């Protein structure tokens, strides 16, 4: 298992459009991936799950992955979050 914390930098957080990009990126990997906020963990490949966390700008979340490409999955999703989703 590989995990990393990341700060959500865009003002609106992971609302519908950025969350969709996040899920699409997560689905590129074979590993099982989770996002955790305030000790609540959801499947990173589930739009409803990610939206249910209510992640707003300035929030730190933890991304976990377990599988053959776990490191690439976490690093890829952290890099995506760090772009601010071009907002």
PDB file of N, CA and C in Angstrom:
ATOM      1  N   UNK A   1       0.842  -1.185   0.000  1.00  0.00           N
ATOM      2  CA  UNK A   1       0.000   0.000   0.000  1.00  0.00           C
ATOM      3  C   UNK A   1       0.883   1.242   0.000  1.00  0.00           C
ATOM      4  N   UNK A   2       0.467   2.235  -0.749  1.00  0.00           N
ATOM      5  CA  UNK A   2       1.197   3.501  -0.857  1.00  0.00           C
ATOM      6  C   UNK A   2       0.195   4.623  -0.605  1.00  0.00           C
ATOM      7  N   UNK A   3       0.608   5.631   0.144  1.00  0.00           N
ATOM      8  CA  UNK A   3      -0.297   6.740   0.466  1.00  0.00           C
ATOM      9  C   UNK A   3       0.479   8.047   0.482  1.00  0.00           C
ATOM     10  N   UNK A   4      -0.253   9.130   0.230  1.00  0.00           N
ATOM     11  CA  UNK A   4       0.358  10.457   0.241  1.00  0.00           C
ATOM     12  C   UNK A   4      -0.709  11.507   0.523  1.00  0.00           C
ATOM     13  N   UNK A   5      -0.329  12.534   1.293  1.00  0.00           N
ATOM     14  CA  UNK A   5      -1.218  13.667   1.552  1.00  0.00           C
ATOM     15  C   UNK A   5      -1.053  14.705   0.445  1.00  0.00           C
ATOM     16  N   UNK A   6      -2.149  15.387   0.133  1.00  0.00           N
ATOM     17  CA  UNK A   6      -2.099  16.457  -0.865  1.00  0.00           C
ATOM     18  C   UNK A   6      -3.090  17.547  -0.472  1.00  0.00           C
ATOM     19  N   UNK A   7      -2.691  18.780  -0.684  1.00  0.00           N
ATOM     20  CA  UNK A   7      -3.542  19.937  -0.411  1.00  0.00           C
ATOM     21  C   UNK A   7      -4.324  20.289  -1.665  1.00  0.00           C
ATOM     22  N   UNK A   8      -5.650  20.354  -1.542  1.00  0.00           N
ATOM     23  CA  UNK A   8      -6.507  20.751  -2.666  1.00  0.00           C
ATOM     24  C   UNK A   8      -6.413  22.266  -2.775  1.00  0.00           C
ATOM     25  N   UNK A   9      -5.839  22.744  -3.880  1.00  0.00           N
ATOM     26  CA  UNK A   9      -5.500  24.159  -4.007  1.00  0.00           C
ATOM     27  C   UNK A   9      -6.555  25.002  -4.712  1.00  0.00           C
ATOM     28  N   UNK A  10      -7.353  24.388  -5.583  1.00  0.00           N
ATOM     29  CA  UNK A  10      -8.345  25.222  -6.278  1.00  0.00           C
ATOM     30  C   UNK A  10      -9.442  25.648  -5.302  1.00  0.00           C
ATOM     31  N   UNK A  11      -9.956  26.849  -5.488  1.00  0.00           N
ATOM     32  CA  UNK A  11     -10.898  27.453  -4.532  1.00  0.00           C
ATOM     33  C   UNK A  11     -12.160  26.624  -4.319  1.00  0.00           C
ATOM     34  N   UNK A  12     -12.700  26.078  -5.388  1.00  0.00           N
ATOM     35  CA  UNK A  12     -13.974  25.355  -5.289  1.00  0.00           C
ATOM     36  C   UNK A  12     -13.804  23.929  -4.769  1.00  0.00           C
ATOM     37  N   UNK A  13     -12.582  23.432  -4.720  1.00  0.00           N
ATOM     38  CA  UNK A  13     -12.359  22.069  -4.249  1.00  0.00           C
ATOM     39  C   UNK A  13     -12.716  21.040  -5.304  1.00  0.00           C
ATOM     40  N   UNK A  14     -13.094  19.860  -4.836  1.00  0.00           N
ATOM     41  CA  UNK A  14     -13.449  18.783  -5.766  1.00  0.00           C
ATOM     42  C   UNK A  14     -14.961  18.769  -5.985  1.00  0.00           C
ATOM     43  N   UNK A  15     -15.459  19.802  -6.653  1.00  0.00           N
ATOM     44  CA  UNK A  15     -16.866  19.814  -7.043  1.00  0.00           C
ATOM     45  C   UNK A  15     -17.002  18.971  -8.309  1.00  0.00           C
ATOM     46  N   UNK A  16     -18.143  18.999  -8.956  1.00  0.00           N
ATOM     47  CA  UNK A  16     -18.468  18.059 -10.034  1.00  0.00           C
ATOM     48  C   UNK A  16     -17.419  17.955 -11.143  1.00  0.00           C
ATOM     49  N   UNK A  17     -16.986  19.079 -11.713  1.00  0.00           N
ATOM     50  CA  UNK A  17     -16.056  18.997 -12.848  1.00  0.00           C
ATOM     51  C   UNK A  17     -14.685  18.476 -12.440  1.00  0.00           C
ATOM     52  N   UNK A  18     -14.029  19.044 -11.418  1.00  0.00           N
ATOM     53  CA  UNK A  18     -12.735  18.496 -11.010  1.00  0.00           C
ATOM     54  C   UNK A  18     -12.845  17.055 -10.499  1.00  0.00           C
ATOM     55  N   UNK A  19     -13.932  16.745  -9.826  1.00  0.00           N
ATOM     56  CA  UNK A  19     -14.112  15.378  -9.333  1.00  0.00           C
ATOM     57  C   UNK A  19     -14.202  14.397 -10.499  1.00  0.00           C
ATOM     58  N   UNK A  20     -14.846  14.813 -11.578  1.00  0.00           N
ATOM     59  CA  UNK A  20     -14.928  13.964 -12.768  1.00  0.00           C
ATOM     60  C   UNK A  20     -13.550  13.705 -13.346  1.00  0.00           C
ATOM     61  N   UNK A  21     -12.719  14.747 -13.435  1.00  0.00           N
ATOM     62  CA  UNK A  21     -11.341  14.564 -13.917  1.00  0.00           C
ATOM     63  C   UNK A  21     -10.572  13.622 -12.994  1.00  0.00           C
ATOM     64  N   UNK A  22     -10.777  13.780 -11.693  1.00  0.00           N
ATOM     65  CA  UNK A  22     -10.100  12.955 -10.706  1.00  0.00           C
ATOM     66  C   UNK A  22     -10.485  11.480 -10.873  1.00  0.00           C
ATOM     67  N   UNK A  23     -11.771  11.206 -11.036  1.00  0.00           N
ATOM     68  CA  UNK A  23     -12.263   9.833 -11.197  1.00  0.00           C
ATOM     69  C   UNK A  23     -11.738   9.232 -12.500  1.00  0.00           C
ATOM     70  N   UNK A  24     -11.755  10.024 -13.576  1.00  0.00           N
ATOM     71  CA  UNK A  24     -11.245   9.532 -14.853  1.00  0.00           C
ATOM     72  C   UNK A  24      -9.782   9.139 -14.735  1.00  0.00           C
ATOM     73  N   UNK A  25      -8.998   9.961 -14.039  1.00  0.00           N
ATOM     74  CA  UNK A  25      -7.583   9.655 -13.838  1.00  0.00           C
ATOM     75  C   UNK A  25      -7.434   8.401 -12.984  1.00  0.00           C
ATOM     76  N   UNK A  26      -8.206   8.285 -11.912  1.00  0.00           N
ATOM     77  CA  UNK A  26      -8.134   7.117 -11.033  1.00  0.00           C
ATOM     78  C   UNK A  26      -8.451   5.834 -11.802  1.00  0.00           C
ATOM     79  N   UNK A  27      -9.381   5.914 -12.733  1.00  0.00           N
ATOM     80  CA  UNK A  27      -9.777   4.736 -13.506  1.00  0.00           C
ATOM     81  C   UNK A  27      -8.732   4.299 -14.522  1.00  0.00           C
ATOM     82  N   UNK A  28      -7.689   5.096 -14.725  1.00  0.00           N
ATOM     83  CA  UNK A  28      -6.593   4.706 -15.614  1.00  0.00           C
ATOM     84  C   UNK A  28      -5.683   3.667 -14.966  1.00  0.00           C
ATOM     85  N   UNK A  29      -5.828   3.464 -13.656  1.00  0.00           N
ATOM     86  CA  UNK A  29      -4.942   2.568 -12.915  1.00  0.00           C
ATOM     87  C   UNK A  29      -5.669   1.295 -12.506  1.00  0.00           C
ATOM     88  N   UNK A  30      -4.891   0.205 -12.389  1.00  0.00           N
ATOM     89  CA  UNK A  30      -5.446  -1.091 -11.995  1.00  0.00           C
ATOM     90  C   UNK A  30      -5.634  -1.192 -10.487  1.00  0.00           C
ATOM     91  N   UNK A  31      -4.842  -0.455  -9.728  1.00  0.00           N
ATOM     92  CA  UNK A  31      -4.883  -0.539  -8.268  1.00  0.00           C
ATOM     93  C   UNK A  31      -6.228  -0.091  -7.707  1.00  0.00           C
ATOM     94  N   UNK A  32      -6.523  -0.564  -6.517  1.00  0.00           N
ATOM     95  CA  UNK A  32      -7.657  -0.062  -5.750  1.00  0.00           C
ATOM     96  C   UNK A  32      -7.196   1.247  -5.118  1.00  0.00           C
ATOM     97  N   UNK A  33      -8.003   2.303  -5.262  1.00  0.00           N
ATOM     98  CA  UNK A  33      -7.587   3.636  -4.805  1.00  0.00           C
ATOM     99  C   UNK A  33      -8.680   4.218  -3.918  1.00  0.00           C
ATOM    100  N   UNK A  34      -8.251   4.861  -2.818  1.00  0.00           N
ATOM    101  CA  UNK A  34      -9.177   5.519  -1.904  1.00  0.00           C
ATOM    102  C   UNK A  34      -8.732   6.952  -1.671  1.00  0.00           C
ATOM    103  N   UNK A  35      -9.693   7.793  -1.314  1.00  0.00           N
ATOM    104  CA  UNK A  35      -9.423   9.162  -0.881  1.00  0.00           C
ATOM    105  C   UNK A  35      -9.969   9.265   0.540  1.00  0.00           C
ATOM    106  N   UNK A  36      -9.185   9.900   1.417  1.00  0.00           N
ATOM    107  CA  UNK A  36      -9.605  10.028   2.814  1.00  0.00           C
ATOM    108  C   UNK A  36      -9.575  11.488   3.245  1.00  0.00           C
ATOM    109  N   UNK A  37     -10.659  11.900   3.907  1.00  0.00           N
ATOM    110  CA  UNK A  37     -10.762  13.243   4.494  1.00  0.00           C
ATOM    111  C   UNK A  37     -11.395  13.082   5.869  1.00  0.00           C
ATOM    112  N   UNK A  38     -10.746  13.627   6.869  1.00  0.00           N
ATOM    113  CA  UNK A  38     -11.275  13.560   8.240  1.00  0.00           C
ATOM    114  C   UNK A  38     -11.642  12.132   8.647  1.00  0.00           C
ATOM    115  N   UNK A  39     -10.744  11.198   8.385  1.00  0.00           N
ATOM    116  CA  UNK A  39     -10.912   9.783   8.755  1.00  0.00           C
ATOM    117  C   UNK A  39     -12.075   9.091   8.056  1.00  0.00           C
ATOM    118  N   UNK A  40     -12.596   9.697   6.999  1.00  0.00           N
ATOM    119  CA  UNK A  40     -13.642   9.077   6.184  1.00  0.00           C
ATOM    120  C   UNK A  40     -13.041   8.720   4.838  1.00  0.00           C
ATOM    121  N   UNK A  41     -13.075   7.452   4.475  1.00  0.00           N
ATOM    122  CA  UNK A  41     -12.416   6.966   3.273  1.00  0.00           C
ATOM    123  C   UNK A  41     -13.452   6.476   2.256  1.00  0.00           C
ATOM    124  N   UNK A  42     -13.254   6.895   0.984  1.00  0.00           N
ATOM    125  CA  UNK A  42     -14.155   6.463  -0.092  1.00  0.00           C
ATOM    126  C   UNK A  42     -13.347   5.977  -1.286  1.00  0.00           C
ATOM    127  N   UNK A  43     -14.004   5.231  -2.140  1.00  0.00           N
ATOM    128  CA  UNK A  43     -13.404   4.737  -3.367  1.00  0.00           C
ATOM    129  C   UNK A  43     -13.127   5.923  -4.299  1.00  0.00           C
ATOM    130  N   UNK A  44     -11.879   6.086  -4.716  1.00  0.00           N
ATOM    131  CA  UNK A  44     -11.498   7.210  -5.579  1.00  0.00           C
ATOM    132  C   UNK A  44     -12.033   7.050  -7.001  1.00  0.00           C
ATOM    133  N   UNK A  45     -12.583   5.898  -7.317  1.00  0.00           N
ATOM    134  CA  UNK A  45     -13.133   5.663  -8.647  1.00  0.00           C
ATOM    135  C   UNK A  45     -14.645   5.869  -8.670  1.00  0.00           C
ATOM    136  N   UNK A  46     -15.200   6.348  -7.562  1.00  0.00           N
ATOM    137  CA  UNK A  46     -16.640   6.568  -7.427  1.00  0.00           C
ATOM    138  C   UNK A  46     -16.933   8.063  -7.348  1.00  0.00           C
ATOM    139  N   UNK A  47     -17.646   8.593  -8.327  1.00  0.00           N
ATOM    140  CA  UNK A  47     -17.975  10.018  -8.337  1.00  0.00           C
ATOM    141  C   UNK A  47     -18.798  10.393  -7.105  1.00  0.00           C
ATOM    142  N   UNK A  48     -19.821   9.610  -6.795  1.00  0.00           N
ATOM    143  CA  UNK A  48     -20.645   9.917  -5.628  1.00  0.00           C
ATOM    144  C   UNK A  48     -19.823   9.848  -4.343  1.00  0.00           C
ATOM    145  N   UNK A  49     -18.927   8.881  -4.273  1.00  0.00           N
ATOM    146  CA  UNK A  49     -18.079   8.762  -3.092  1.00  0.00           C
ATOM    147  C   UNK A  49     -17.204   9.988  -2.897  1.00  0.00           C
ATOM    148  N   UNK A  50     -16.534  10.406  -3.953  1.00  0.00           N
ATOM    149  CA  UNK A  50     -15.649  11.572  -3.874  1.00  0.00           C
ATOM    150  C   UNK A  50     -16.446  12.834  -3.563  1.00  0.00           C
ATOM    151  N   UNK A  51     -17.573  13.023  -4.227  1.00  0.00           N
ATOM    152  CA  UNK A  51     -18.400  14.205  -3.968  1.00  0.00           C
ATOM    153  C   UNK A  51     -18.937  14.211  -2.537  1.00  0.00           C
ATOM    154  N   UNK A  52     -19.206  13.024  -1.990  1.00  0.00           N
ATOM    155  CA  UNK A  52     -19.766  12.939  -0.637  1.00  0.00           C
ATOM    156  C   UNK A  52     -18.796  13.418   0.435  1.00  0.00           C
ATOM    157  N   UNK A  53     -17.513  13.479   0.120  1.00  0.00           N
ATOM    158  CA  UNK A  53     -16.539  13.966   1.092  1.00  0.00           C
ATOM    159  C   UNK A  53     -16.614  15.480   1.278  1.00  0.00           C
ATOM    160  N   UNK A  54     -17.202  16.185   0.307  1.00  0.00           N
ATOM    161  CA  UNK A  54     -17.331  17.633   0.425  1.00  0.00           C
ATOM    162  C   UNK A  54     -15.990  18.328   0.514  1.00  0.00           C
ATOM    163  N   UNK A  55     -15.073  17.967  -0.352  1.00  0.00           N
ATOM    164  CA  UNK A  55     -13.712  18.513  -0.321  1.00  0.00           C
ATOM    165  C   UNK A  55     -13.712  19.920  -0.904  1.00  0.00           C
ATOM    166  N   UNK A  56     -13.345  20.893  -0.078  1.00  0.00           N
ATOM    167  CA  UNK A  56     -13.282  22.283  -0.527  1.00  0.00           C
ATOM    168  C   UNK A  56     -11.820  22.711  -0.637  1.00  0.00           C
ATOM    169  N   UNK A  57     -11.595  23.848  -1.289  1.00  0.00           N
ATOM    170  CA  UNK A  57     -10.248  24.377  -1.430  1.00  0.00           C
ATOM    171  C   UNK A  57      -9.593  24.583  -0.072  1.00  0.00           C
ATOM    172  N   UNK A  58      -8.313  24.273   0.024  1.00  0.00           N
ATOM    173  CA  UNK A  58      -7.586  24.426   1.268  1.00  0.00           C
ATOM    174  C   UNK A  58      -7.634  23.202   2.164  1.00  0.00           C
ATOM    175  N   UNK A  59      -8.301  22.156   1.705  1.00  0.00           N
ATOM    176  CA  UNK A  59      -8.417  20.914   2.471  1.00  0.00           C
ATOM    177  C   UNK A  59      -7.277  19.969   2.100  1.00  0.00           C
ATOM    178  N   UNK A  60      -6.714  19.313   3.084  1.00  0.00           N
ATOM    179  CA  UNK A  60      -5.717  18.276   2.823  1.00  0.00           C
ATOM    180  C   UNK A  60      -6.412  16.926   2.858  1.00  0.00           C
ATOM    181  N   UNK A  61      -6.184  16.136   1.822  1.00  0.00           N
ATOM    182  CA  UNK A  61      -6.735  14.784   1.752  1.00  0.00           C
ATOM    183  C   UNK A  61      -5.584  13.799   1.615  1.00  0.00           C
ATOM    184  N   UNK A  62      -5.871  12.543   1.922  1.00  0.00           N
ATOM    185  CA  UNK A  62      -4.875  11.490   1.752  1.00  0.00           C
ATOM    186  C   UNK A  62      -5.371  10.569   0.650  1.00  0.00           C
ATOM    187  N   UNK A  63      -4.472  10.232  -0.265  1.00  0.00           N
ATOM    188  CA  UNK A  63      -4.788   9.313  -1.352  1.00  0.00           C
ATOM    189  C   UNK A  63      -4.022   8.018  -1.091  1.00  0.00           C
ATOM    190  N   UNK A  64      -4.747   6.895  -1.063  1.00  0.00           N
ATOM    191  CA  UNK A  64      -4.174   5.575  -0.840  1.00  0.00           C
ATOM    192  C   UNK A  64      -4.357   4.738  -2.089  1.00  0.00           C
ATOM    193  N   UNK A  65      -3.413   3.849  -2.350  1.00  0.00           N
ATOM    194  CA  UNK A  65      -3.591   2.883  -3.437  1.00  0.00           C
ATOM    195  C   UNK A  65      -2.955   1.569  -3.025  1.00  0.00           C
ATOM    196  N   UNK A  66      -3.527   0.489  -3.516  1.00  0.00           N
ATOM    197  CA  UNK A  66      -3.011  -0.839  -3.248  1.00  0.00           C
ATOM    198  C   UNK A  66      -3.139  -1.655  -4.522  1.00  0.00           C
ATOM    199  N   UNK A  67      -2.011  -2.095  -5.039  1.00  0.00           N
ATOM    200  CA  UNK A  67      -2.042  -2.896  -6.265  1.00  0.00           C
ATOM    201  C   UNK A  67      -0.733  -2.786  -7.018  1.00  0.00           C
ATOM    202  N   UNK A  68      -0.738  -3.305  -8.227  1.00  0.00           N
ATOM    203  CA  UNK A  68       0.487  -3.399  -9.012  1.00  0.00           C
ATOM    204  C   UNK A  68       1.060  -2.046  -9.419  1.00  0.00           C
ATOM    205  N   UNK A  69       0.197  -1.052  -9.580  1.00  0.00           N
ATOM    206  CA  UNK A  69       0.666   0.278  -9.994  1.00  0.00           C
ATOM    207  C   UNK A  69       0.339   1.335  -8.935  1.00  0.00           C
ATOM    208  N   UNK A  70       0.384   0.933  -7.662  1.00  0.00           N
ATOM    209  CA  UNK A  70      -0.039   1.817  -6.571  1.00  0.00           C
ATOM    210  C   UNK A  70       0.745   3.117  -6.498  1.00  0.00           C
ATOM    211  N   UNK A  71       2.059   3.048  -6.665  1.00  0.00           N
ATOM    212  CA  UNK A  71       2.876   4.259  -6.578  1.00  0.00           C
ATOM    213  C   UNK A  71       2.537   5.218  -7.713  1.00  0.00           C
ATOM    214  N   UNK A  72       2.427   4.694  -8.922  1.00  0.00           N
ATOM    215  CA  UNK A  72       2.090   5.520 -10.074  1.00  0.00           C
ATOM    216  C   UNK A  72       0.702   6.133  -9.919  1.00  0.00           C
ATOM    217  N   UNK A  73      -0.230   5.367  -9.367  1.00  0.00           N
ATOM    218  CA  UNK A  73      -1.596   5.849  -9.178  1.00  0.00           C
ATOM    219  C   UNK A  73      -1.628   7.034  -8.222  1.00  0.00           C
ATOM    220  N   UNK A  74      -1.010   6.870  -7.068  1.00  0.00           N
ATOM    221  CA  UNK A  74      -1.015   7.950  -6.071  1.00  0.00           C
ATOM    222  C   UNK A  74      -0.286   9.171  -6.609  1.00  0.00           C
ATOM    223  N   UNK A  75       0.892   8.980  -7.174  1.00  0.00           N
ATOM    224  CA  UNK A  75       1.667  10.112  -7.690  1.00  0.00           C
ATOM    225  C   UNK A  75       0.934  10.811  -8.831  1.00  0.00           C
ATOM    226  N   UNK A  76       0.268  10.055  -9.695  1.00  0.00           N
ATOM    227  CA  UNK A  76      -0.493  10.652 -10.791  1.00  0.00           C
ATOM    228  C   UNK A  76      -1.660  11.486 -10.296  1.00  0.00           C
ATOM    229  N   UNK A  77      -2.365  10.985  -9.279  1.00  0.00           N
ATOM    230  CA  UNK A  77      -3.507  11.729  -8.735  1.00  0.00           C
ATOM    231  C   UNK A  77      -3.049  12.943  -7.935  1.00  0.00           C
ATOM    232  N   UNK A  78      -1.951  12.820  -7.215  1.00  0.00           N
ATOM    233  CA  UNK A  78      -1.395  13.970  -6.491  1.00  0.00           C
ATOM    234  C   UNK A  78      -0.986  15.053  -7.488  1.00  0.00           C
ATOM    235  N   UNK A  79      -0.337  14.660  -8.577  1.00  0.00           N
ATOM    236  CA  UNK A  79       0.058  15.627  -9.600  1.00  0.00           C
ATOM    237  C   UNK A  79      -1.165  16.330 -10.191  1.00  0.00           C
ATOM    238  N   UNK A  80      -2.246  15.577 -10.423  1.00  0.00           N
ATOM    239  CA  UNK A  80      -3.473  16.177 -10.956  1.00  0.00           C
ATOM    240  C   UNK A  80      -4.052  17.190  -9.975  1.00  0.00           C
ATOM    241  N   UNK A  81      -4.134  16.828  -8.708  1.00  0.00           N
ATOM    242  CA  UNK A  81      -4.665  17.758  -7.693  1.00  0.00           C
ATOM    243  C   UNK A  81      -3.791  19.001  -7.608  1.00  0.00           C
ATOM    244  N   UNK A  82      -2.472  18.829  -7.717  1.00  0.00           N
ATOM    245  CA  UNK A  82      -1.552  19.958  -7.634  1.00  0.00           C
ATOM    246  C   UNK A  82      -1.680  20.931  -8.800  1.00  0.00           C
ATOM    247  N   UNK A  83      -2.271  20.504  -9.910  1.00  0.00           N
ATOM    248  CA  UNK A  83      -2.470  21.423 -11.046  1.00  0.00           C
ATOM    249  C   UNK A  83      -3.594  22.406 -10.747  1.00  0.00           C
ATOM    250  N   UNK A  84      -4.408  22.133  -9.724  1.00  0.00           N
ATOM    251  CA  UNK A  84      -5.547  22.981  -9.434  1.00  0.00           C
ATOM    252  C   UNK A  84      -6.676  22.800 -10.424  1.00  0.00           C
ATOM    253  N   UNK A  85      -6.612  21.753 -11.228  1.00  0.00           N
ATOM    254  CA  UNK A  85      -7.631  21.436 -12.230  1.00  0.00           C
ATOM    255  C   UNK A  85      -7.857  22.599 -13.183  1.00  0.00           C
ATOM    256  N   UNK A  86      -6.812  23.381 -13.419  1.00  0.00           N
ATOM    257  CA  UNK A  86      -6.833  24.506 -14.364  1.00  0.00           C
ATOM    258  C   UNK A  86      -7.939  25.498 -14.054  1.00  0.00           C
ATOM    259  N   UNK A  87      -8.191  25.701 -12.756  1.00  0.00           N
ATOM    260  CA  UNK A  87      -9.223  26.689 -12.376  1.00  0.00           C
ATOM    261  C   UNK A  87      -8.578  27.923 -11.815  1.00  0.00           C
TER     262      UNK A  87
END
